[in-house]
Amino acid sequence: MASGRERKIIHLKSTKSKRFDEAYLILKDGLINYDDGEIVKEAERILFSAEELKRKRGRKKGGAMKCAFFLSLGFFLGTFTYLLSFLIASI
């Protein structure tokens, strides 16, 4: 979709990040006097904060195994309870 207005885009080629090789950032409209160095520093801060957030939210190891264990445990306990109640009712 073409909007007919000019957008300012910053392209960071080397981000010093473990996850990003390059980054494209689109600046907000209405920025009049801005320093290129300041904008690049802000862009790198955003990239590093996203990296830290991803690291903090990292999955704990063994999560899938715990889920499978409790799912199977619930299945077997439910089956056992059903069979036990069937046996008691038939007596």
PDB file of N, CA and C in Angstrom:
ATOM      1  N   MET A   1       0.838  -1.168   0.000  1.00  0.00           N
ATOM      2  CA  MET A   1       0.000   0.000   0.000  1.00  0.00           C
ATOM      3  C   MET A   1       0.887   1.237   0.000  1.00  0.00           C
ATOM      4  N   ALA A   2       0.756   2.078  -0.957  1.00  0.00           N
ATOM      5  CA  ALA A   2       1.532   3.306  -1.054  1.00  0.00           C
ATOM      6  C   ALA A   2       0.742   4.447  -0.437  1.00  0.00           C
ATOM      7  N   SER A   3       1.386   5.191   0.440  1.00  0.00           N
ATOM      8  CA  SER A   3       0.672   6.264   1.112  1.00  0.00           C
ATOM      9  C   SER A   3       1.029   7.641   0.566  1.00  0.00           C
ATOM     10  N   GLY A   4       2.068   7.752  -0.214  1.00  0.00           N
ATOM     11  CA  GLY A   4       2.410   9.017  -0.824  1.00  0.00           C
ATOM     12  C   GLY A   4       3.245   9.933   0.038  1.00  0.00           C
ATOM     13  N   ARG A   5       3.710   9.485   1.195  1.00  0.00           N
ATOM     14  CA  ARG A   5       4.574  10.334   1.999  1.00  0.00           C
ATOM     15  C   ARG A   5       5.905   9.641   2.237  1.00  0.00           C
ATOM     16  N   GLU A   6       6.879  10.441   2.507  1.00  0.00           N
ATOM     17  CA  GLU A   6       8.235   9.922   2.671  1.00  0.00           C
ATOM     18  C   GLU A   6       8.442   9.454   4.111  1.00  0.00           C
ATOM     19  N   ARG A   7       9.036   8.285   4.256  1.00  0.00           N
ATOM     20  CA  ARG A   7       9.333   7.754   5.589  1.00  0.00           C
ATOM     21  C   ARG A   7      10.852   7.699   5.750  1.00  0.00           C
ATOM     22  N   LYS A   8      11.319   8.014   6.915  1.00  0.00           N
ATOM     23  CA  LYS A   8      12.748   7.938   7.198  1.00  0.00           C
ATOM     24  C   LYS A   8      13.036   6.570   7.803  1.00  0.00           C
ATOM     25  N   ILE A   9      14.008   5.872   7.214  1.00  0.00           N
ATOM     26  CA  ILE A   9      14.357   4.521   7.648  1.00  0.00           C
ATOM     27  C   ILE A   9      15.832   4.489   7.990  1.00  0.00           C
ATOM     28  N   ILE A  10      16.143   3.863   9.123  1.00  0.00           N
ATOM     29  CA  ILE A  10      17.535   3.655   9.522  1.00  0.00           C
ATOM     30  C   ILE A  10      17.848   2.178   9.341  1.00  0.00           C
ATOM     31  N   HIS A  11      18.967   1.901   8.718  1.00  0.00           N
ATOM     32  CA  HIS A  11      19.405   0.531   8.489  1.00  0.00           C
ATOM     33  C   HIS A  11      20.688   0.310   9.280  1.00  0.00           C
ATOM     34  N   LEU A  12      20.632  -0.552  10.278  1.00  0.00           N
ATOM     35  CA  LEU A  12      21.819  -0.899  11.062  1.00  0.00           C
ATOM     36  C   LEU A  12      22.405  -2.177  10.488  1.00  0.00           C
ATOM     37  N   LYS A  13      23.626  -2.097   9.980  1.00  0.00           N
ATOM     38  CA  LYS A  13      24.229  -3.271   9.346  1.00  0.00           C
ATOM     39  C   LYS A  13      24.902  -4.182  10.355  1.00  0.00           C
ATOM     40  N   SER A  14      25.629  -3.640  11.300  1.00  0.00           N
ATOM     41  CA  SER A  14      26.263  -4.471  12.334  1.00  0.00           C
ATOM     42  C   SER A  14      25.706  -4.028  13.674  1.00  0.00           C
ATOM     43  N   THR A  15      24.888  -4.868  14.260  1.00  0.00           N
ATOM     44  CA  THR A  15      24.177  -4.486  15.473  1.00  0.00           C
ATOM     45  C   THR A  15      24.886  -4.911  16.750  1.00  0.00           C
ATOM     46  N   LYS A  16      25.954  -5.673  16.665  1.00  0.00           N
ATOM     47  CA  LYS A  16      26.667  -6.197  17.843  1.00  0.00           C
ATOM     48  C   LYS A  16      25.739  -7.064  18.692  1.00  0.00           C
ATOM     49  N   SER A  17      24.777  -7.664  18.061  1.00  0.00           N
ATOM     50  CA  SER A  17      23.790  -8.479  18.754  1.00  0.00           C
ATOM     51  C   SER A  17      24.019  -9.950  18.419  1.00  0.00           C
ATOM     52  N   LYS A  18      23.646 -10.820  19.326  1.00  0.00           N
ATOM     53  CA  LYS A  18      23.775 -12.262  19.076  1.00  0.00           C
ATOM     54  C   LYS A  18      22.673 -12.778  18.167  1.00  0.00           C
ATOM     55  N   ARG A  19      21.534 -12.077  18.128  1.00  0.00           N
ATOM     56  CA  ARG A  19      20.382 -12.571  17.385  1.00  0.00           C
ATOM     57  C   ARG A  19      20.112 -11.835  16.077  1.00  0.00           C
ATOM     58  N   PHE A  20      20.559 -10.586  15.973  1.00  0.00           N
ATOM     59  CA  PHE A  20      20.235  -9.782  14.802  1.00  0.00           C
ATOM     60  C   PHE A  20      21.500  -9.415  14.039  1.00  0.00           C
ATOM     61  N   ASP A  21      21.502  -9.696  12.741  1.00  0.00           N
ATOM     62  CA  ASP A  21      22.596  -9.248  11.885  1.00  0.00           C
ATOM     63  C   ASP A  21      22.348  -7.827  11.411  1.00  0.00           C
ATOM     64  N   GLU A  22      21.126  -7.572  11.007  1.00  0.00           N
ATOM     65  CA  GLU A  22      20.745  -6.259  10.495  1.00  0.00           C
ATOM     66  C   GLU A  22      19.409  -5.865  11.091  1.00  0.00           C
ATOM     67  N   ALA A  23      19.158  -4.561  11.117  1.00  0.00           N
ATOM     68  CA  ALA A  23      17.876  -4.073  11.620  1.00  0.00           C
ATOM     69  C   ALA A  23      17.445  -2.864  10.795  1.00  0.00           C
ATOM     70  N   TYR A  24      16.164  -2.812  10.470  1.00  0.00           N
ATOM     71  CA  TYR A  24      15.570  -1.668   9.788  1.00  0.00           C
ATOM     72  C   TYR A  24      14.604  -1.017  10.762  1.00  0.00           C
ATOM     73  N   LEU A  25      14.787   0.257  10.998  1.00  0.00           N
ATOM     74  CA  LEU A  25      13.918   0.977  11.915  1.00  0.00           C
ATOM     75  C   LEU A  25      13.269   2.140  11.165  1.00  0.00           C
ATOM     76  N   ILE A  26      11.979   2.277  11.306  1.00  0.00           N
ATOM     77  CA  ILE A  26      11.232   3.342  10.655  1.00  0.00           C
ATOM     78  C   ILE A  26      10.966   4.426  11.687  1.00  0.00           C
ATOM     79  N   LEU A  27      11.416   5.635  11.387  1.00  0.00           N
ATOM     80  CA  LEU A  27      11.271   6.740  12.324  1.00  0.00           C
ATOM     81  C   LEU A  27       9.855   7.305  12.275  1.00  0.00           C
ATOM     82  N   LYS A  28       9.417   7.838  13.391  1.00  0.00           N
ATOM     83  CA  LYS A  28       8.103   8.463  13.468  1.00  0.00           C
ATOM     84  C   LYS A  28       8.082   9.735  12.634  1.00  0.00           C
ATOM     85  N   ASP A  29       6.899  10.071  12.162  1.00  0.00           N
ATOM     86  CA  ASP A  29       6.731  11.333  11.435  1.00  0.00           C
ATOM     87  C   ASP A  29       6.899  12.502  12.397  1.00  0.00           C
ATOM     88  N   GLY A  30       7.382  13.609  11.886  1.00  0.00           N
ATOM     89  CA  GLY A  30       7.463  14.824  12.686  1.00  0.00           C
ATOM     90  C   GLY A  30       8.781  15.021  13.404  1.00  0.00           C
ATOM     91  N   LEU A  31       9.758  14.151  13.226  1.00  0.00           N
ATOM     92  CA  LEU A  31      11.065  14.377  13.828  1.00  0.00           C
ATOM     93  C   LEU A  31      11.794  15.429  12.997  1.00  0.00           C
ATOM     94  N   ILE A  32      12.085  16.560  13.613  1.00  0.00           N
ATOM     95  CA  ILE A  32      12.678  17.665  12.860  1.00  0.00           C
ATOM     96  C   ILE A  32      14.185  17.694  13.048  1.00  0.00           C
ATOM     97  N   ASN A  33      14.629  17.988  14.230  1.00  0.00           N
ATOM     98  CA  ASN A  33      16.061  18.070  14.503  1.00  0.00           C
ATOM     99  C   ASN A  33      16.480  16.848  15.306  1.00  0.00           C
ATOM    100  N   TYR A  34      17.135  15.939  14.653  1.00  0.00           N
ATOM    101  CA  TYR A  34      17.596  14.761  15.364  1.00  0.00           C
ATOM    102  C   TYR A  34      19.044  14.491  14.981  1.00  0.00           C
ATOM    103  N   ASP A  35      19.749  13.940  15.939  1.00  0.00           N
ATOM    104  CA  ASP A  35      21.156  13.611  15.754  1.00  0.00           C
ATOM    105  C   ASP A  35      21.243  12.141  15.331  1.00  0.00           C
ATOM    106  N   ASP A  36      21.955  11.875  14.232  1.00  0.00           N
ATOM    107  CA  ASP A  36      22.070  10.500  13.736  1.00  0.00           C
ATOM    108  C   ASP A  36      22.689   9.570  14.776  1.00  0.00           C
ATOM    109  N   GLY A  37      23.705  10.036  15.472  1.00  0.00           N
ATOM    110  CA  GLY A  37      24.350   9.209  16.496  1.00  0.00           C
ATOM    111  C   GLY A  37      23.408   8.856  17.625  1.00  0.00           C
ATOM    112  N   GLU A  38      22.585   9.822  18.012  1.00  0.00           N
ATOM    113  CA  GLU A  38      21.624   9.591  19.086  1.00  0.00           C
ATOM    114  C   GLU A  38      20.570   8.571  18.653  1.00  0.00           C
ATOM    115  N   ILE A  39      20.126   8.657  17.417  1.00  0.00           N
ATOM    116  CA  ILE A  39      19.136   7.722  16.895  1.00  0.00           C
ATOM    117  C   ILE A  39      19.719   6.311  16.843  1.00  0.00           C
ATOM    118  N   VAL A  40      20.966   6.182  16.406  1.00  0.00           N
ATOM    119  CA  VAL A  40      21.611   4.865  16.336  1.00  0.00           C
ATOM    120  C   VAL A  40      21.780   4.279  17.733  1.00  0.00           C
ATOM    121  N   LYS A  41      22.162   5.103  18.713  1.00  0.00           N
ATOM    122  CA  LYS A  41      22.291   4.619  20.096  1.00  0.00           C
ATOM    123  C   LYS A  41      20.945   4.119  20.629  1.00  0.00           C
ATOM    124  N   GLU A  42      19.889   4.869  20.329  1.00  0.00           N
ATOM    125  CA  GLU A  42      18.546   4.465  20.759  1.00  0.00           C
ATOM    126  C   GLU A  42      18.134   3.151  20.110  1.00  0.00           C
ATOM    127  N   ALA A  43      18.449   2.987  18.826  1.00  0.00           N
ATOM    128  CA  ALA A  43      18.117   1.748  18.115  1.00  0.00           C
ATOM    129  C   ALA A  43      18.859   0.564  18.718  1.00  0.00           C
ATOM    130  N   GLU A  44      20.138   0.736  19.022  1.00  0.00           N
ATOM    131  CA  GLU A  44      20.903  -0.354  19.643  1.00  0.00           C
ATOM    132  C   GLU A  44      20.378  -0.671  21.028  1.00  0.00           C
ATOM    133  N   ARG A  45      19.956   0.352  21.783  1.00  0.00           N
ATOM    134  CA  ARG A  45      19.378   0.105  23.104  1.00  0.00           C
ATOM    135  C   ARG A  45      18.107  -0.729  22.988  1.00  0.00           C
ATOM    136  N   ILE A  46      17.289  -0.439  21.991  1.00  0.00           N
ATOM    137  CA  ILE A  46      16.056  -1.197  21.784  1.00  0.00           C
ATOM    138  C   ILE A  46      16.379  -2.651  21.449  1.00  0.00           C
ATOM    139  N   LEU A  47      17.366  -2.865  20.581  1.00  0.00           N
ATOM    140  CA  LEU A  47      17.738  -4.231  20.211  1.00  0.00           C
ATOM    141  C   LEU A  47      18.269  -5.008  21.410  1.00  0.00           C
ATOM    142  N   PHE A  48      19.128  -4.371  22.221  1.00  0.00           N
ATOM    143  CA  PHE A  48      19.680  -5.076  23.376  1.00  0.00           C
ATOM    144  C   PHE A  48      18.624  -5.326  24.440  1.00  0.00           C
ATOM    145  N   SER A  49      17.668  -4.411  24.610  1.00  0.00           N
ATOM    146  CA  SER A  49      16.612  -4.650  25.596  1.00  0.00           C
ATOM    147  C   SER A  49      15.713  -5.800  25.142  1.00  0.00           C
ATOM    148  N   ALA A  50      15.491  -5.933  23.823  1.00  0.00           N
ATOM    149  CA  ALA A  50      14.710  -7.066  23.313  1.00  0.00           C
ATOM    150  C   ALA A  50      15.458  -8.365  23.545  1.00  0.00           C
ATOM    151  N   GLU A  51      16.783  -8.333  23.399  1.00  0.00           N
ATOM    152  CA  GLU A  51      17.589  -9.528  23.641  1.00  0.00           C
ATOM    153  C   GLU A  51      17.527  -9.943  25.105  1.00  0.00           C
ATOM    154  N   GLU A  52      17.635  -8.973  26.020  1.00  0.00           N
ATOM    155  CA  GLU A  52      17.586  -9.287  27.445  1.00  0.00           C
ATOM    156  C   GLU A  52      16.221  -9.818  27.841  1.00  0.00           C
ATOM    157  N   LEU A  53      15.170  -9.244  27.284  1.00  0.00           N
ATOM    158  CA  LEU A  53      13.821  -9.723  27.577  1.00  0.00           C
ATOM    159  C   LEU A  53      13.647 -11.159  27.121  1.00  0.00           C
ATOM    160  N   LYS A  54      14.160 -11.490  25.957  1.00  0.00           N
ATOM    161  CA  LYS A  54      14.085 -12.859  25.440  1.00  0.00           C
ATOM    162  C   LYS A  54      14.860 -13.808  26.362  1.00  0.00           C
ATOM    163  N   ARG A  55      16.018 -13.362  26.836  1.00  0.00           N
ATOM    164  CA  ARG A  55      16.836 -14.193  27.720  1.00  0.00           C
ATOM    165  C   ARG A  55      16.123 -14.435  29.053  1.00  0.00           C
ATOM    166  N   LYS A  56      15.451 -13.407  29.571  1.00  0.00           N
ATOM    167  CA  LYS A  56      14.754 -13.555  30.853  1.00  0.00           C
ATOM    168  C   LYS A  56      13.545 -14.464  30.735  1.00  0.00           C
ATOM    169  N   ARG A  57      12.899 -14.445  29.557  1.00  0.00           N
ATOM    170  CA  ARG A  57      11.714 -15.268  29.354  1.00  0.00           C
ATOM    171  C   ARG A  57      12.049 -16.662  28.856  1.00  0.00           C
ATOM    172  N   GLY A  58      13.316 -17.010  28.792  1.00  0.00           N
ATOM    173  CA  GLY A  58      13.715 -18.297  28.242  1.00  0.00           C
ATOM    174  C   GLY A  58      12.989 -19.451  28.899  1.00  0.00           C
ATOM    175  N   ARG A  59      12.741 -20.460  28.108  1.00  0.00           N
ATOM    176  CA  ARG A  59      12.018 -21.622  28.632  1.00  0.00           C
ATOM    177  C   ARG A  59      12.900 -22.414  29.573  1.00  0.00           C
ATOM    178  N   LYS A  60      12.264 -22.938  30.596  1.00  0.00           N
ATOM    179  CA  LYS A  60      12.988 -23.794  31.530  1.00  0.00           C
ATOM    180  C   LYS A  60      13.101 -25.182  30.926  1.00  0.00           C
ATOM    181  N   LYS A  61      14.213 -25.821  31.176  1.00  0.00           N
ATOM    182  CA  LYS A  61      14.426 -27.157  30.630  1.00  0.00           C
ATOM    183  C   LYS A  61      13.531 -28.153  31.347  1.00  0.00           C
ATOM    184  N   GLY A  62      13.035 -29.118  30.605  1.00  0.00           N
ATOM    185  CA  GLY A  62      12.207 -30.163  31.186  1.00  0.00           C
ATOM    186  C   GLY A  62      10.739 -29.807  31.256  1.00  0.00           C
ATOM    187  N   GLY A  63      10.337 -28.694  30.689  1.00  0.00           N
ATOM    188  CA  GLY A  63       8.937 -28.281  30.748  1.00  0.00           C
ATOM    189  C   GLY A  63       8.024 -29.246  30.014  1.00  0.00           C
ATOM    190  N   ALA A  64       8.460 -29.753  28.871  1.00  0.00           N
ATOM    191  CA  ALA A  64       7.645 -30.690  28.101  1.00  0.00           C
ATOM    192  C   ALA A  64       7.535 -32.031  28.823  1.00  0.00           C
ATOM    193  N   MET A  65       8.604 -32.430  29.478  1.00  0.00           N
ATOM    194  CA  MET A  65       8.581 -33.697  30.218  1.00  0.00           C
ATOM    195  C   MET A  65       7.627 -33.605  31.410  1.00  0.00           C
ATOM    196  N   LYS A  66       7.633 -32.477  32.097  1.00  0.00           N
ATOM    197  CA  LYS A  66       6.720 -32.304  33.227  1.00  0.00           C
ATOM    198  C   LYS A  66       5.272 -32.324  32.748  1.00  0.00           C
ATOM    199  N   CYS A  67       5.021 -31.674  31.636  1.00  0.00           N
ATOM    200  CA  CYS A  67       3.669 -31.631  31.086  1.00  0.00           C
ATOM    201  C   CYS A  67       3.197 -33.041  30.717  1.00  0.00           C
ATOM    202  N   ALA A  68       4.043 -33.804  30.054  1.00  0.00           N
ATOM    203  CA  ALA A  68       3.679 -35.169  29.659  1.00  0.00           C
ATOM    204  C   ALA A  68       3.467 -36.050  30.889  1.00  0.00           C
ATOM    205  N   PHE A  69       4.300 -35.870  31.917  1.00  0.00           N
ATOM    206  CA  PHE A  69       4.160 -36.663  33.136  1.00  0.00           C
ATOM    207  C   PHE A  69       2.821 -36.396  33.814  1.00  0.00           C
ATOM    208  N   PHE A  70       2.485 -35.122  34.006  1.00  0.00           N
ATOM    209  CA  PHE A  70       1.242 -34.803  34.695  1.00  0.00           C
ATOM    210  C   PHE A  70       0.015 -35.153  33.859  1.00  0.00           C
ATOM    211  N   LEU A  71       0.121 -35.061  32.562  1.00  0.00           N
ATOM    212  CA  LEU A  71      -0.980 -35.462  31.692  1.00  0.00           C
ATOM    213  C   LEU A  71      -1.235 -36.962  31.811  1.00  0.00           C
ATOM    214  N   SER A  72      -0.170 -37.748  31.751  1.00  0.00           N
ATOM    215  CA  SER A  72      -0.340 -39.203  31.880  1.00  0.00           C
ATOM    216  C   SER A  72      -0.771 -39.590  33.293  1.00  0.00           C
ATOM    217  N   LEU A  73      -0.264 -38.895  34.294  1.00  0.00           N
ATOM    218  CA  LEU A  73      -0.678 -39.166  35.670  1.00  0.00           C
ATOM    219  C   LEU A  73      -2.180 -38.913  35.839  1.00  0.00           C
ATOM    220  N   GLY A  74      -2.665 -37.810  35.301  1.00  0.00           N
ATOM    221  CA  GLY A  74      -4.094 -37.506  35.368  1.00  0.00           C
ATOM    222  C   GLY A  74      -4.927 -38.545  34.629  1.00  0.00           C
ATOM    223  N   PHE A  75      -4.426 -38.999  33.479  1.00  0.00           N
ATOM    224  CA  PHE A  75      -5.140 -40.026  32.719  1.00  0.00           C
ATOM    225  C   PHE A  75      -5.254 -41.318  33.523  1.00  0.00           C
ATOM    226  N   PHE A  76      -4.135 -41.767  34.101  1.00  0.00           N
ATOM    227  CA  PHE A  76      -4.152 -43.021  34.856  1.00  0.00           C
ATOM    228  C   PHE A  76      -4.961 -42.909  36.150  1.00  0.00           C
ATOM    229  N   LEU A  77      -4.879 -41.779  36.826  1.00  0.00           N
ATOM    230  CA  LEU A  77      -5.686 -41.609  38.039  1.00  0.00           C
ATOM    231  C   LEU A  77      -7.171 -41.556  37.712  1.00  0.00           C
ATOM    232  N   GLY A  78      -7.522 -40.907  36.615  1.00  0.00           N
ATOM    233  CA  GLY A  78      -8.923 -40.862  36.201  1.00  0.00           C
ATOM    234  C   GLY A  78      -9.435 -42.237  35.830  1.00  0.00           C
ATOM    235  N   THR A  79      -8.634 -43.011  35.104  1.00  0.00           N
ATOM    236  CA  THR A  79      -9.024 -44.365  34.723  1.00  0.00           C
ATOM    237  C   THR A  79      -9.164 -45.245  35.954  1.00  0.00           C
ATOM    238  N   PHE A  80      -8.223 -45.131  36.891  1.00  0.00           N
ATOM    239  CA  PHE A  80      -8.265 -45.910  38.118  1.00  0.00           C
ATOM    240  C   PHE A  80      -9.515 -45.579  38.932  1.00  0.00           C
ATOM    241  N   THR A  81      -9.837 -44.306  39.041  1.00  0.00           N
ATOM    242  CA  THR A  81     -11.026 -43.888  39.792  1.00  0.00           C
ATOM    243  C   THR A  81     -12.306 -44.407  39.133  1.00  0.00           C
ATOM    244  N   TYR A  82     -12.353 -44.348  37.814  1.00  0.00           N
ATOM    245  CA  TYR A  82     -13.524 -44.844  37.087  1.00  0.00           C
ATOM    246  C   TYR A  82     -13.691 -46.347  37.312  1.00  0.00           C
ATOM    247  N   LEU A  83     -12.601 -47.102  37.179  1.00  0.00           N
ATOM    248  CA  LEU A  83     -12.688 -48.557  37.373  1.00  0.00           C
ATOM    249  C   LEU A  83     -13.037 -48.906  38.812  1.00  0.00           C
ATOM    250  N   LEU A  84     -12.484 -48.177  39.758  1.00  0.00           N
ATOM    251  CA  LEU A  84     -12.777 -48.429  41.164  1.00  0.00           C
ATOM    252  C   LEU A  84     -14.241 -48.161  41.462  1.00  0.00           C
ATOM    253  N   SER A  85     -14.771 -47.074  40.948  1.00  0.00           N
ATOM    254  CA  SER A  85     -16.195 -46.785  41.174  1.00  0.00           C
ATOM    255  C   SER A  85     -17.082 -47.806  40.451  1.00  0.00           C
ATOM    256  N   PHE A  86     -16.663 -48.311  39.300  1.00  0.00           N
ATOM    257  CA  PHE A  86     -17.425 -49.345  38.592  1.00  0.00           C
ATOM    258  C   PHE A  86     -17.441 -50.628  39.418  1.00  0.00           C
ATOM    259  N   LEU A  87     -16.284 -51.000  40.012  1.00  0.00           N
ATOM    260  CA  LEU A  87     -16.217 -52.210  40.839  1.00  0.00           C
ATOM    261  C   LEU A  87     -17.066 -52.091  42.109  1.00  0.00           C
ATOM    262  N   ILE A  88     -17.024 -50.909  42.731  1.00  0.00           N
ATOM    263  CA  ILE A  88     -17.806 -50.718  43.945  1.00  0.00           C
ATOM    264  C   ILE A  88     -19.302 -50.748  43.610  1.00  0.00           C
ATOM    265  N   ALA A  89     -19.696 -50.201  42.490  1.00  0.00           N
ATOM    266  CA  ALA A  89     -21.108 -50.166  42.107  1.00  0.00           C
ATOM    267  C   ALA A  89     -21.615 -51.558  41.747  1.00  0.00           C
ATOM    268  N   SER A  90     -20.741 -52.428  41.236  1.00  0.00           N
ATOM    269  CA  SER A  90     -21.196 -53.763  40.849  1.00  0.00           C
ATOM    270  C   SER A  90     -21.246 -54.739  42.010  1.00  0.00           C
ATOM    271  N   ILE A  91     -20.796 -54.356  43.164  1.00  0.00           N
ATOM    272  CA  ILE A  91     -20.843 -55.260  44.334  1.00  0.00           C
ATOM    273  C   ILE A  91     -22.179 -55.280  44.956  1.00  0.00           C
TER     274      ILE A  91
END
